[in-house]
Amino acid sequence: MGKKILVVDDEPQIVYLLSQRLQANGYETYAANDSYQCIKMAREIKPDPILLDMKMPAGGGLHAFENLKASVYTANIPIIFITAYPGEEIKKQVEELGANGFFAKPFNSVELLSKIKELIGE
């Protein structure tokens, strides 16, 4: 397996589909289903990027993002938001916070893979 990717979403089907697609492209995947698990796992496994849902239990994606960026252990991990709540306002908000990408569900997996490769230098 190659680079590690943490997939964070409270919808098991999304996690499964993303993980399958990423694994088929040579990535090692890990999954979390809420903000708390995301923060904990990011510190433990040091993923290369994190794919982060916006709306989920234990504070949501923005809460996890802020915590990850505030920690010296996880501040440099690239984060791509994936959300079912698209819109220019949300996209602008996460870009201003310093997110490395934003994809609205349903997303184009080819574009997402391209963004991941760009972020991790492949």
PDB file of N, CA and C in Angstrom:
ATOM      1  N   MET A   1       0.841  -1.193   0.000  1.00  0.00           N
ATOM      2  CA  MET A   1       0.000   0.000   0.000  1.00  0.00           C
ATOM      3  C   MET A   1       0.881   1.250   0.000  1.00  0.00           C
ATOM      4  N   GLY A   2       0.285   2.342  -0.422  1.00  0.00           N
ATOM      5  CA  GLY A   2       1.011   3.592  -0.528  1.00  0.00           C
ATOM      6  C   GLY A   2       0.687   4.559   0.579  1.00  0.00           C
ATOM      7  N   LYS A   3       0.421   5.769   0.192  1.00  0.00           N
ATOM      8  CA  LYS A   3       0.125   6.846   1.132  1.00  0.00           C
ATOM      9  C   LYS A   3      -1.151   6.559   1.913  1.00  0.00           C
ATOM     10  N   LYS A   4      -1.198   7.106   3.134  1.00  0.00           N
ATOM     11  CA  LYS A   4      -2.354   6.895   4.010  1.00  0.00           C
ATOM     12  C   LYS A   4      -3.353   8.039   3.870  1.00  0.00           C
ATOM     13  N   ILE A   5      -4.628   7.670   3.748  1.00  0.00           N
ATOM     14  CA  ILE A   5      -5.696   8.661   3.658  1.00  0.00           C
ATOM     15  C   ILE A   5      -6.740   8.354   4.717  1.00  0.00           C
ATOM     16  N   LEU A   6      -7.104   9.365   5.483  1.00  0.00           N
ATOM     17  CA  LEU A   6      -8.162   9.238   6.482  1.00  0.00           C
ATOM     18  C   LEU A   6      -9.458   9.764   5.867  1.00  0.00           C
ATOM     19  N   VAL A   7     -10.454   8.898   5.789  1.00  0.00           N
ATOM     20  CA  VAL A   7     -11.766   9.237   5.245  1.00  0.00           C
ATOM     21  C   VAL A   7     -12.706   9.438   6.433  1.00  0.00           C
ATOM     22  N   VAL A   8     -13.278  10.631   6.545  1.00  0.00           N
ATOM     23  CA  VAL A   8     -14.126  10.962   7.688  1.00  0.00           C
ATOM     24  C   VAL A   8     -15.517  11.349   7.197  1.00  0.00           C
ATOM     25  N   ASP A   9     -16.489  10.491   7.513  1.00  0.00           N
ATOM     26  CA  ASP A   9     -17.875  10.740   7.118  1.00  0.00           C
ATOM     27  C   ASP A   9     -18.767   9.877   7.990  1.00  0.00           C
ATOM     28  N   ASP A  10     -19.935  10.394   8.357  1.00  0.00           N
ATOM     29  CA  ASP A  10     -20.853   9.624   9.195  1.00  0.00           C
ATOM     30  C   ASP A  10     -21.770   8.727   8.371  1.00  0.00           C
ATOM     31  N   GLU A  11     -21.631   8.752   7.050  1.00  0.00           N
ATOM     32  CA  GLU A  11     -22.412   7.882   6.178  1.00  0.00           C
ATOM     33  C   GLU A  11     -21.532   6.698   5.769  1.00  0.00           C
ATOM     34  N   PRO A  12     -21.816   5.489   6.314  1.00  0.00           N
ATOM     35  CA  PRO A  12     -20.977   4.323   6.021  1.00  0.00           C
ATOM     36  C   PRO A  12     -20.825   4.035   4.526  1.00  0.00           C
ATOM     37  N   GLN A  13     -21.856   4.291   3.754  1.00  0.00           N
ATOM     38  CA  GLN A  13     -21.786   4.018   2.318  1.00  0.00           C
ATOM     39  C   GLN A  13     -20.764   4.925   1.632  1.00  0.00           C
ATOM     40  N   ILE A  14     -20.712   6.175   2.035  1.00  0.00           N
ATOM     41  CA  ILE A  14     -19.729   7.109   1.468  1.00  0.00           C
ATOM     42  C   ILE A  14     -18.318   6.665   1.835  1.00  0.00           C
ATOM     43  N   VAL A  15     -18.115   6.302   3.105  1.00  0.00           N
ATOM     44  CA  VAL A  15     -16.801   5.841   3.554  1.00  0.00           C
ATOM     45  C   VAL A  15     -16.381   4.608   2.751  1.00  0.00           C
ATOM     46  N   TYR A  16     -17.303   3.678   2.590  1.00  0.00           N
ATOM     47  CA  TYR A  16     -17.010   2.445   1.857  1.00  0.00           C
ATOM     48  C   TYR A  16     -16.636   2.754   0.401  1.00  0.00           C
ATOM     49  N   LEU A  17     -17.446   3.536  -0.277  1.00  0.00           N
ATOM     50  CA  LEU A  17     -17.195   3.842  -1.686  1.00  0.00           C
ATOM     51  C   LEU A  17     -15.881   4.593  -1.878  1.00  0.00           C
ATOM     52  N   LEU A  18     -15.648   5.594  -1.035  1.00  0.00           N
ATOM     53  CA  LEU A  18     -14.391   6.340  -1.128  1.00  0.00           C
ATOM     54  C   LEU A  18     -13.199   5.431  -0.849  1.00  0.00           C
ATOM     55  N   SER A  19     -13.306   4.619   0.190  1.00  0.00           N
ATOM     56  CA  SER A  19     -12.206   3.726   0.557  1.00  0.00           C
ATOM     57  C   SER A  19     -11.894   2.742  -0.563  1.00  0.00           C
ATOM     58  N   GLN A  20     -12.931   2.171  -1.168  1.00  0.00           N
ATOM     59  CA  GLN A  20     -12.730   1.224  -2.262  1.00  0.00           C
ATOM     60  C   GLN A  20     -12.013   1.888  -3.439  1.00  0.00           C
ATOM     61  N   ARG A  21     -12.461   3.075  -3.786  1.00  0.00           N
ATOM     62  CA  ARG A  21     -11.857   3.798  -4.912  1.00  0.00           C
ATOM     63  C   ARG A  21     -10.396   4.156  -4.621  1.00  0.00           C
ATOM     64  N   LEU A  22     -10.139   4.607  -3.408  1.00  0.00           N
ATOM     65  CA  LEU A  22      -8.776   4.981  -3.025  1.00  0.00           C
ATOM     66  C   LEU A  22      -7.854   3.765  -2.971  1.00  0.00           C
ATOM     67  N   GLN A  23      -8.343   2.670  -2.402  1.00  0.00           N
ATOM     68  CA  GLN A  23      -7.541   1.448  -2.327  1.00  0.00           C
ATOM     69  C   GLN A  23      -7.231   0.911  -3.719  1.00  0.00           C
ATOM     70  N   ALA A  24      -8.182   1.012  -4.633  1.00  0.00           N
ATOM     71  CA  ALA A  24      -7.967   0.568  -6.010  1.00  0.00           C
ATOM     72  C   ALA A  24      -6.884   1.395  -6.696  1.00  0.00           C
ATOM     73  N   ASN A  25      -6.607   2.575  -6.151  1.00  0.00           N
ATOM     74  CA  ASN A  25      -5.564   3.445  -6.697  1.00  0.00           C
ATOM     75  C   ASN A  25      -4.282   3.415  -5.870  1.00  0.00           C
ATOM     76  N   GLY A  26      -4.173   2.413  -4.992  1.00  0.00           N
ATOM     77  CA  GLY A  26      -2.933   2.191  -4.261  1.00  0.00           C
ATOM     78  C   GLY A  26      -2.785   2.895  -2.933  1.00  0.00           C
ATOM     79  N   TYR A  27      -3.859   3.472  -2.421  1.00  0.00           N
ATOM     80  CA  TYR A  27      -3.781   4.169  -1.138  1.00  0.00           C
ATOM     81  C   TYR A  27      -4.223   3.261   0.007  1.00  0.00           C
ATOM     82  N   GLU A  28      -3.663   3.495   1.163  1.00  0.00           N
ATOM     83  CA  GLU A  28      -4.065   2.810   2.394  1.00  0.00           C
ATOM     84  C   GLU A  28      -5.102   3.714   3.058  1.00  0.00           C
ATOM     85  N   THR A  29      -6.272   3.182   3.364  1.00  0.00           N
ATOM     86  CA  THR A  29      -7.331   4.036   3.912  1.00  0.00           C
ATOM     87  C   THR A  29      -7.662   3.684   5.353  1.00  0.00           C
ATOM     88  N   TYR A  30      -8.076   4.699   6.058  1.00  0.00           N
ATOM     89  CA  TYR A  30      -8.561   4.588   7.434  1.00  0.00           C
ATOM     90  C   TYR A  30      -9.878   5.350   7.481  1.00  0.00           C
ATOM     91  N   ALA A  31     -10.749   4.969   8.399  1.00  0.00           N
ATOM     92  CA  ALA A  31     -12.066   5.603   8.460  1.00  0.00           C
ATOM     93  C   ALA A  31     -12.400   6.079   9.860  1.00  0.00           C
ATOM     94  N   ALA A  32     -13.091   7.209   9.913  1.00  0.00           N
ATOM     95  CA  ALA A  32     -13.640   7.755  11.149  1.00  0.00           C
ATOM     96  C   ALA A  32     -15.033   8.261  10.822  1.00  0.00           C
ATOM     97  N   ASN A  33     -15.943   8.217  11.816  1.00  0.00           N
ATOM     98  CA  ASN A  33     -17.313   8.639  11.517  1.00  0.00           C
ATOM     99  C   ASN A  33     -17.783   9.850  12.303  1.00  0.00           C
ATOM    100  N   ASP A  34     -16.882  10.487  13.041  1.00  0.00           N
ATOM    101  CA  ASP A  34     -17.238  11.744  13.708  1.00  0.00           C
ATOM    102  C   ASP A  34     -15.976  12.564  13.958  1.00  0.00           C
ATOM    103  N   SER A  35     -16.157  13.779  14.430  1.00  0.00           N
ATOM    104  CA  SER A  35     -15.034  14.695  14.636  1.00  0.00           C
ATOM    105  C   SER A  35     -14.039  14.185  15.669  1.00  0.00           C
ATOM    106  N   TYR A  36     -14.549  13.615  16.745  1.00  0.00           N
ATOM    107  CA  TYR A  36     -13.676  13.104  17.799  1.00  0.00           C
ATOM    108  C   TYR A  36     -12.754  12.016  17.253  1.00  0.00           C
ATOM    109  N   GLN A  37     -13.338  11.033  16.555  1.00  0.00           N
ATOM    110  CA  GLN A  37     -12.528   9.957  15.978  1.00  0.00           C
ATOM    111  C   GLN A  37     -11.530  10.504  14.963  1.00  0.00           C
ATOM    112  N   CYS A  38     -11.943  11.484  14.197  1.00  0.00           N
ATOM    113  CA  CYS A  38     -11.070  12.099  13.201  1.00  0.00           C
ATOM    114  C   CYS A  38      -9.815  12.661  13.855  1.00  0.00           C
ATOM    115  N   ILE A  39     -10.001  13.454  14.887  1.00  0.00           N
ATOM    116  CA  ILE A  39      -8.869  14.085  15.569  1.00  0.00           C
ATOM    117  C   ILE A  39      -7.958  13.032  16.188  1.00  0.00           C
ATOM    118  N   LYS A  40      -8.547  12.061  16.845  1.00  0.00           N
ATOM    119  CA  LYS A  40      -7.792  10.983  17.497  1.00  0.00           C
ATOM    120  C   LYS A  40      -6.991  10.181  16.471  1.00  0.00           C
ATOM    121  N   MET A  41      -7.636   9.770  15.398  1.00  0.00           N
ATOM    122  CA  MET A  41      -6.958   8.964  14.389  1.00  0.00           C
ATOM    123  C   MET A  41      -5.896   9.753  13.643  1.00  0.00           C
ATOM    124  N   ALA A  42      -6.156  11.013  13.380  1.00  0.00           N
ATOM    125  CA  ALA A  42      -5.167  11.833  12.674  1.00  0.00           C
ATOM    126  C   ALA A  42      -3.873  11.908  13.466  1.00  0.00           C
ATOM    127  N   ARG A  43      -3.984  12.016  14.776  1.00  0.00           N
ATOM    128  CA  ARG A  43      -2.784  12.058  15.626  1.00  0.00           C
ATOM    129  C   ARG A  43      -2.071  10.716  15.650  1.00  0.00           C
ATOM    130  N   GLU A  44      -2.842   9.641  15.601  1.00  0.00           N
ATOM    131  CA  GLU A  44      -2.257   8.303  15.669  1.00  0.00           C
ATOM    132  C   GLU A  44      -1.605   7.866  14.363  1.00  0.00           C
ATOM    133  N   ILE A  45      -2.294   8.042  13.244  1.00  0.00           N
ATOM    134  CA  ILE A  45      -1.794   7.480  11.978  1.00  0.00           C
ATOM    135  C   ILE A  45      -1.062   8.477  11.093  1.00  0.00           C
ATOM    136  N   LYS A  46      -1.181   9.760  11.359  1.00  0.00           N
ATOM    137  CA  LYS A  46      -0.543  10.815  10.556  1.00  0.00           C
ATOM    138  C   LYS A  46      -0.820  10.600   9.063  1.00  0.00           C
ATOM    139  N   PRO A  47      -2.096  10.723   8.659  1.00  0.00           N
ATOM    140  CA  PRO A  47      -2.425  10.503   7.246  1.00  0.00           C
ATOM    141  C   PRO A  47      -1.784  11.559   6.354  1.00  0.00           C
ATOM    142  N   ASP A  48      -1.656  11.210   5.087  1.00  0.00           N
ATOM    143  CA  ASP A  48      -1.074  12.156   4.140  1.00  0.00           C
ATOM    144  C   ASP A  48      -2.062  13.262   3.803  1.00  0.00           C
ATOM    145  N   PRO A  49      -3.326  12.940   3.446  1.00  0.00           N
ATOM    146  CA  PRO A  49      -4.404  13.919   3.501  1.00  0.00           C
ATOM    147  C   PRO A  49      -5.580  13.344   4.301  1.00  0.00           C
ATOM    148  N   ILE A  50      -6.505  14.226   4.638  1.00  0.00           N
ATOM    149  CA  ILE A  50      -7.762  13.839   5.279  1.00  0.00           C
ATOM    150  C   ILE A  50      -8.893  14.297   4.365  1.00  0.00           C
ATOM    151  N   LEU A  51      -9.842  13.396   4.112  1.00  0.00           N
ATOM    152  CA  LEU A  51     -11.068  13.738   3.395  1.00  0.00           C
ATOM    153  C   LEU A  51     -12.130  13.892   4.457  1.00  0.00           C
ATOM    154  N   LEU A  52     -12.651  15.088   4.627  1.00  0.00           N
ATOM    155  CA  LEU A  52     -13.470  15.431   5.789  1.00  0.00           C
ATOM    156  C   LEU A  52     -14.861  15.919   5.409  1.00  0.00           C
ATOM    157  N   ASP A  53     -15.871  15.232   5.935  1.00  0.00           N
ATOM    158  CA  ASP A  53     -17.263  15.646   5.746  1.00  0.00           C
ATOM    159  C   ASP A  53     -17.523  16.889   6.592  1.00  0.00           C
ATOM    160  N   MET A  54     -18.426  17.741   6.151  1.00  0.00           N
ATOM    161  CA  MET A  54     -18.750  18.957   6.891  1.00  0.00           C
ATOM    162  C   MET A  54     -19.682  18.688   8.063  1.00  0.00           C
ATOM    163  N   LYS A  55     -20.748  17.935   7.791  1.00  0.00           N
ATOM    164  CA  LYS A  55     -21.805  17.776   8.788  1.00  0.00           C
ATOM    165  C   LYS A  55     -21.812  16.340   9.301  1.00  0.00           C
ATOM    166  N   MET A  56     -21.436  16.191  10.588  1.00  0.00           N
ATOM    167  CA  MET A  56     -21.392  14.878  11.219  1.00  0.00           C
ATOM    168  C   MET A  56     -21.381  15.056  12.734  1.00  0.00           C
ATOM    169  N   PRO A  57     -21.533  13.964  13.476  1.00  0.00           N
ATOM    170  CA  PRO A  57     -21.594  14.060  14.942  1.00  0.00           C
ATOM    171  C   PRO A  57     -20.300  14.562  15.581  1.00  0.00           C
ATOM    172  N   ALA A  58     -20.418  14.919  16.841  1.00  0.00           N
ATOM    173  CA  ALA A  58     -19.299  15.333  17.705  1.00  0.00           C
ATOM    174  C   ALA A  58     -18.635  16.621  17.240  1.00  0.00           C
ATOM    175  N   GLY A  59     -19.425  17.572  16.773  1.00  0.00           N
ATOM    176  CA  GLY A  59     -18.893  18.882  16.454  1.00  0.00           C
ATOM    177  C   GLY A  59     -18.820  19.234  14.987  1.00  0.00           C
ATOM    178  N   GLY A  60     -18.903  18.271  14.114  1.00  0.00           N
ATOM    179  CA  GLY A  60     -18.868  18.540  12.682  1.00  0.00           C
ATOM    180  C   GLY A  60     -17.468  18.725  12.144  1.00  0.00           C
ATOM    181  N   GLY A  61     -17.399  18.811  10.821  1.00  0.00           N
ATOM    182  CA  GLY A  61     -16.123  18.914  10.145  1.00  0.00           C
ATOM    183  C   GLY A  61     -15.346  20.180  10.446  1.00  0.00           C
ATOM    184  N   LEU A  62     -16.041  21.289  10.601  1.00  0.00           N
ATOM    185  CA  LEU A  62     -15.339  22.540  10.912  1.00  0.00           C
ATOM    186  C   LEU A  62     -14.672  22.475  12.279  1.00  0.00           C
ATOM    187  N   HIS A  63     -15.339  21.845  13.239  1.00  0.00           N
ATOM    188  CA  HIS A  63     -14.763  21.651  14.576  1.00  0.00           C
ATOM    189  C   HIS A  63     -13.488  20.809  14.478  1.00  0.00           C
ATOM    190  N   ALA A  64     -13.565  19.707  13.743  1.00  0.00           N
ATOM    191  CA  ALA A  64     -12.394  18.844  13.572  1.00  0.00           C
ATOM    192  C   ALA A  64     -11.274  19.611  12.870  1.00  0.00           C
ATOM    193  N   PHE A  65     -11.611  20.331  11.813  1.00  0.00           N
ATOM    194  CA  PHE A  65     -10.626  21.100  11.061  1.00  0.00           C
ATOM    195  C   PHE A  65      -9.883  22.076  11.970  1.00  0.00           C
ATOM    196  N   GLU A  66     -10.633  22.841  12.758  1.00  0.00           N
ATOM    197  CA  GLU A  66     -10.014  23.833  13.645  1.00  0.00           C
ATOM    198  C   GLU A  66      -9.090  23.170  14.660  1.00  0.00           C
ATOM    199  N   ASN A  67      -9.515  22.035  15.214  1.00  0.00           N
ATOM    200  CA  ASN A  67      -8.682  21.313  16.177  1.00  0.00           C
ATOM    201  C   ASN A  67      -7.422  20.756  15.520  1.00  0.00           C
ATOM    202  N   LEU A  68      -7.570  20.207  14.340  1.00  0.00           N
ATOM    203  CA  LEU A  68      -6.417  19.648  13.637  1.00  0.00           C
ATOM    204  C   LEU A  68      -5.400  20.731  13.295  1.00  0.00           C
ATOM    205  N   LYS A  69      -5.869  21.877  12.830  1.00  0.00           N
ATOM    206  CA  LYS A  69      -4.965  22.959  12.451  1.00  0.00           C
ATOM    207  C   LYS A  69      -4.323  23.638  13.664  1.00  0.00           C
ATOM    208  N   ALA A  70      -4.944  23.506  14.831  1.00  0.00           N
ATOM    209  CA  ALA A  70      -4.408  24.119  16.054  1.00  0.00           C
ATOM    210  C   ALA A  70      -3.357  23.245  16.739  1.00  0.00           C
ATOM    211  N   SER A  71      -3.236  22.009  16.328  1.00  0.00           N
ATOM    212  CA  SER A  71      -2.305  21.073  16.964  1.00  0.00           C
ATOM    213  C   SER A  71      -1.008  20.979  16.171  1.00  0.00           C
ATOM    214  N   VAL A  72       0.119  21.030  16.861  1.00  0.00           N
ATOM    215  CA  VAL A  72       1.411  20.895  16.188  1.00  0.00           C
ATOM    216  C   VAL A  72       1.567  19.517  15.546  1.00  0.00           C
ATOM    217  N   TYR A  73       0.847  18.529  16.036  1.00  0.00           N
ATOM    218  CA  TYR A  73       0.954  17.166  15.525  1.00  0.00           C
ATOM    219  C   TYR A  73       0.207  16.968  14.201  1.00  0.00           C
ATOM    220  N   THR A  74      -0.786  17.795  13.937  1.00  0.00           N
ATOM    221  CA  THR A  74      -1.631  17.579  12.754  1.00  0.00           C
ATOM    222  C   THR A  74      -1.798  18.825  11.872  1.00  0.00           C
ATOM    223  N   ALA A  75      -1.188  19.926  12.242  1.00  0.00           N
ATOM    224  CA  ALA A  75      -1.404  21.201  11.540  1.00  0.00           C
ATOM    225  C   ALA A  75      -1.024  21.151  10.060  1.00  0.00           C
ATOM    226  N   ASN A  76      -0.066  20.327   9.697  1.00  0.00           N
ATOM    227  CA  ASN A  76       0.411  20.308   8.310  1.00  0.00           C
ATOM    228  C   ASN A  76      -0.252  19.265   7.429  1.00  0.00           C
ATOM    229  N   ILE A  77      -1.216  18.535   7.963  1.00  0.00           N
ATOM    230  CA  ILE A  77      -1.910  17.532   7.164  1.00  0.00           C
ATOM    231  C   ILE A  77      -2.900  18.242   6.237  1.00  0.00           C
ATOM    232  N   PRO A  78      -2.802  18.004   4.932  1.00  0.00           N
ATOM    233  CA  PRO A  78      -3.769  18.612   4.008  1.00  0.00           C
ATOM    234  C   PRO A  78      -5.182  18.073   4.273  1.00  0.00           C
ATOM    235  N   ILE A  79      -6.168  18.952   4.190  1.00  0.00           N
ATOM    236  CA  ILE A  79      -7.556  18.565   4.438  1.00  0.00           C
ATOM    237  C   ILE A  79      -8.415  18.997   3.256  1.00  0.00           C
ATOM    238  N   ILE A  80      -9.172  18.017   2.747  1.00  0.00           N
ATOM    239  CA  ILE A  80     -10.120  18.266   1.668  1.00  0.00           C
ATOM    240  C   ILE A  80     -11.517  18.058   2.227  1.00  0.00           C
ATOM    241  N   PHE A  81     -12.346  19.076   2.139  1.00  0.00           N
ATOM    242  CA  PHE A  81     -13.733  18.945   2.588  1.00  0.00           C
ATOM    243  C   PHE A  81     -14.576  18.303   1.498  1.00  0.00           C
ATOM    244  N   ILE A  82     -15.440  17.391   1.916  1.00  0.00           N
ATOM    245  CA  ILE A  82     -16.425  16.765   1.033  1.00  0.00           C
ATOM    246  C   ILE A  82     -17.773  16.919   1.723  1.00  0.00           C
ATOM    247  N   THR A  83     -18.729  17.531   1.040  1.00  0.00           N
ATOM    248  CA  THR A  83     -19.989  17.829   1.705  1.00  0.00           C
ATOM    249  C   THR A  83     -21.205  17.648   0.807  1.00  0.00           C
ATOM    250  N   ALA A  84     -22.308  17.344   1.434  1.00  0.00           N
ATOM    251  CA  ALA A  84     -23.585  17.264   0.718  1.00  0.00           C
ATOM    252  C   ALA A  84     -24.268  18.630   0.712  1.00  0.00           C
ATOM    253  N   TYR A  85     -23.633  19.613   1.312  1.00  0.00           N
ATOM    254  CA  TYR A  85     -24.192  20.964   1.409  1.00  0.00           C
ATOM    255  C   TYR A  85     -23.349  21.925   0.581  1.00  0.00           C
ATOM    256  N   PRO A  86     -23.453  21.792  -0.750  1.00  0.00           N
ATOM    257  CA  PRO A  86     -22.631  22.642  -1.601  1.00  0.00           C
ATOM    258  C   PRO A  86     -23.115  24.084  -1.595  1.00  0.00           C
ATOM    259  N   GLY A  87     -22.286  24.927  -2.057  1.00  0.00           N
ATOM    260  CA  GLY A  87     -22.644  26.328  -2.180  1.00  0.00           C
ATOM    261  C   GLY A  87     -21.402  27.180  -2.133  1.00  0.00           C
ATOM    262  N   GLU A  88     -21.450  28.271  -2.820  1.00  0.00           N
ATOM    263  CA  GLU A  88     -20.294  29.164  -2.881  1.00  0.00           C
ATOM    264  C   GLU A  88     -19.937  29.727  -1.504  1.00  0.00           C
ATOM    265  N   GLU A  89     -20.950  29.959  -0.664  1.00  0.00           N
ATOM    266  CA  GLU A  89     -20.676  30.514   0.668  1.00  0.00           C
ATOM    267  C   GLU A  89     -19.857  29.544   1.511  1.00  0.00           C
ATOM    268  N   ILE A  90     -20.244  28.267   1.495  1.00  0.00           N
ATOM    269  CA  ILE A  90     -19.507  27.259   2.267  1.00  0.00           C
ATOM    270  C   ILE A  90     -18.120  27.064   1.675  1.00  0.00           C
ATOM    271  N   LYS A  91     -18.038  26.998   0.364  1.00  0.00           N
ATOM    272  CA  LYS A  91     -16.744  26.840  -0.298  1.00  0.00           C
ATOM    273  C   LYS A  91     -15.814  27.987   0.074  1.00  0.00           C
ATOM    274  N   LYS A  92     -16.322  29.195   0.035  1.00  0.00           N
ATOM    275  CA  LYS A  92     -15.523  30.372   0.389  1.00  0.00           C
ATOM    276  C   LYS A  92     -15.080  30.304   1.851  1.00  0.00           C
ATOM    277  N   GLN A  93     -15.983  29.871   2.731  1.00  0.00           N
ATOM    278  CA  GLN A  93     -15.669  29.771   4.159  1.00  0.00           C
ATOM    279  C   GLN A  93     -14.507  28.807   4.406  1.00  0.00           C
ATOM    280  N   VAL A  94     -14.554  27.620   3.802  1.00  0.00           N
ATOM    281  CA  VAL A  94     -13.487  26.646   4.052  1.00  0.00           C
ATOM    282  C   VAL A  94     -12.181  27.069   3.380  1.00  0.00           C
ATOM    283  N   GLU A  95     -12.264  27.736   2.254  1.00  0.00           N
ATOM    284  CA  GLU A  95     -11.049  28.243   1.615  1.00  0.00           C
ATOM    285  C   GLU A  95     -10.392  29.313   2.482  1.00  0.00           C
ATOM    286  N   GLU A  96     -11.215  30.189   3.086  1.00  0.00           N
ATOM    287  CA  GLU A  96     -10.674  31.230   3.963  1.00  0.00           C
ATOM    288  C   GLU A  96     -10.040  30.634   5.211  1.00  0.00           C
ATOM    289  N   LEU A  97     -10.568  29.498   5.675  1.00  0.00           N
ATOM    290  CA  LEU A  97      -9.992  28.819   6.835  1.00  0.00           C
ATOM    291  C   LEU A  97      -8.664  28.146   6.503  1.00  0.00           C
ATOM    292  N   GLY A  98      -8.425  27.909   5.223  1.00  0.00           N
ATOM    293  CA  GLY A  98      -7.170  27.289   4.812  1.00  0.00           C
ATOM    294  C   GLY A  98      -7.292  25.843   4.376  1.00  0.00           C
ATOM    295  N   ALA A  99      -8.498  25.399   4.055  1.00  0.00           N
ATOM    296  CA  ALA A  99      -8.672  24.037   3.559  1.00  0.00           C
ATOM    297  C   ALA A  99      -7.951  23.887   2.219  1.00  0.00           C
ATOM    298  N   ASN A 100      -7.538  22.662   1.929  1.00  0.00           N
ATOM    299  CA  ASN A 100      -6.787  22.396   0.708  1.00  0.00           C
ATOM    300  C   ASN A 100      -7.658  22.011  -0.480  1.00  0.00           C
ATOM    301  N   GLY A 101      -8.961  21.854  -0.229  1.00  0.00           N
ATOM    302  CA  GLY A 101      -9.863  21.508  -1.308  1.00  0.00           C
ATOM    303  C   GLY A 101     -11.293  21.427  -0.819  1.00  0.00           C
ATOM    304  N   PHE A 102     -12.226  21.440  -1.772  1.00  0.00           N
ATOM    305  CA  PHE A 102     -13.650  21.401  -1.457  1.00  0.00           C
ATOM    306  C   PHE A 102     -14.362  20.683  -2.583  1.00  0.00           C
ATOM    307  N   PHE A 103     -15.089  19.616  -2.238  1.00  0.00           N
ATOM    308  CA  PHE A 103     -15.867  18.863  -3.217  1.00  0.00           C
ATOM    309  C   PHE A 103     -17.281  18.681  -2.702  1.00  0.00           C
ATOM    310  N   ALA A 104     -18.244  18.931  -3.558  1.00  0.00           N
ATOM    311  CA  ALA A 104     -19.651  18.735  -3.213  1.00  0.00           C
ATOM    312  C   ALA A 104     -20.071  17.328  -3.638  1.00  0.00           C
ATOM    313  N   LYS A 105     -20.855  16.677  -2.780  1.00  0.00           N
ATOM    314  CA  LYS A 105     -21.413  15.359  -3.119  1.00  0.00           C
ATOM    315  C   LYS A 105     -22.592  15.566  -4.053  1.00  0.00           C
ATOM    316  N   PRO A 106     -22.776  14.758  -5.057  1.00  0.00           N
ATOM    317  CA  PRO A 106     -21.847  13.721  -5.510  1.00  0.00           C
ATOM    318  C   PRO A 106     -20.656  14.374  -6.212  1.00  0.00           C
ATOM    319  N   PHE A 107     -19.480  13.867  -5.945  1.00  0.00           N
ATOM    320  CA  PHE A 107     -18.261  14.462  -6.482  1.00  0.00           C
ATOM    321  C   PHE A 107     -17.716  13.605  -7.618  1.00  0.00           C
ATOM    322  N   ASN A 108     -16.869  14.202  -8.398  1.00  0.00           N
ATOM    323  CA  ASN A 108     -16.199  13.516  -9.490  1.00  0.00           C
ATOM    324  C   ASN A 108     -14.953  12.853  -8.914  1.00  0.00           C
ATOM    325  N   SER A 109     -14.925  11.520  -8.904  1.00  0.00           N
ATOM    326  CA  SER A 109     -13.817  10.813  -8.271  1.00  0.00           C
ATOM    327  C   SER A 109     -12.492  11.022  -9.001  1.00  0.00           C
ATOM    328  N   VAL A 110     -12.532  11.238 -10.300  1.00  0.00           N
ATOM    329  CA  VAL A 110     -11.302  11.501 -11.050  1.00  0.00           C
ATOM    330  C   VAL A 110     -10.700  12.835 -10.608  1.00  0.00           C
ATOM    331  N   GLU A 111     -11.544  13.848 -10.443  1.00  0.00           N
ATOM    332  CA  GLU A 111     -11.068  15.152  -9.975  1.00  0.00           C
ATOM    333  C   GLU A 111     -10.549  15.062  -8.538  1.00  0.00           C
ATOM    334  N   LEU A 112     -11.243  14.293  -7.696  1.00  0.00           N
ATOM    335  CA  LEU A 112     -10.799  14.129  -6.309  1.00  0.00           C
ATOM    336  C   LEU A 112      -9.442  13.435  -6.267  1.00  0.00           C
ATOM    337  N   LEU A 113      -9.263  12.370  -7.024  1.00  0.00           N
ATOM    338  CA  LEU A 113      -7.973  11.668  -7.063  1.00  0.00           C
ATOM    339  C   LEU A 113      -6.866  12.591  -7.570  1.00  0.00           C
ATOM    340  N   SER A 114      -7.179  13.408  -8.544  1.00  0.00           N
ATOM    341  CA  SER A 114      -6.208  14.362  -9.072  1.00  0.00           C
ATOM    342  C   SER A 114      -5.783  15.358  -7.982  1.00  0.00           C
ATOM    343  N   LYS A 115      -6.742  15.837  -7.219  1.00  0.00           N
ATOM    344  CA  LYS A 115      -6.450  16.790  -6.138  1.00  0.00           C
ATOM    345  C   LYS A 115      -5.595  16.135  -5.067  1.00  0.00           C
ATOM    346  N   ILE A 116      -5.919  14.882  -4.717  1.00  0.00           N
ATOM    347  CA  ILE A 116      -5.135  14.158  -3.715  1.00  0.00           C
ATOM    348  C   ILE A 116      -3.680  14.020  -4.190  1.00  0.00           C
ATOM    349  N   LYS A 117      -3.504  13.609  -5.435  1.00  0.00           N
ATOM    350  CA  LYS A 117      -2.145  13.447  -5.977  1.00  0.00           C
ATOM    351  C   LYS A 117      -1.390  14.768  -5.965  1.00  0.00           C
ATOM    352  N   GLU A 118      -2.086  15.831  -6.291  1.00  0.00           N
ATOM    353  CA  GLU A 118      -1.473  17.161  -6.271  1.00  0.00           C
ATOM    354  C   GLU A 118      -0.984  17.523  -4.857  1.00  0.00           C
ATOM    355  N   LEU A 119      -1.823  17.249  -3.862  1.00  0.00           N
ATOM    356  CA  LEU A 119      -1.500  17.617  -2.481  1.00  0.00           C
ATOM    357  C   LEU A 119      -0.356  16.799  -1.880  1.00  0.00           C
ATOM    358  N   ILE A 120      -0.279  15.539  -2.272  1.00  0.00           N
ATOM    359  CA  ILE A 120       0.738  14.682  -1.645  1.00  0.00           C
ATOM    360  C   ILE A 120       1.962  14.497  -2.534  1.00  0.00           C
ATOM    361  N   GLY A 121       1.998  15.230  -3.638  1.00  0.00           N
ATOM    362  CA  GLY A 121       3.181  15.248  -4.479  1.00  0.00           C
ATOM    363  C   GLY A 121       3.404  14.006  -5.323  1.00  0.00           C
ATOM    364  N   GLU A 122       2.335  13.449  -5.851  1.00  0.00           N
ATOM    365  CA  GLU A 122       2.469  12.276  -6.730  1.00  0.00           C
ATOM    366  C   GLU A 122       2.299  12.688  -8.178  1.00  0.00           C
TER     367      GLU A 122
END
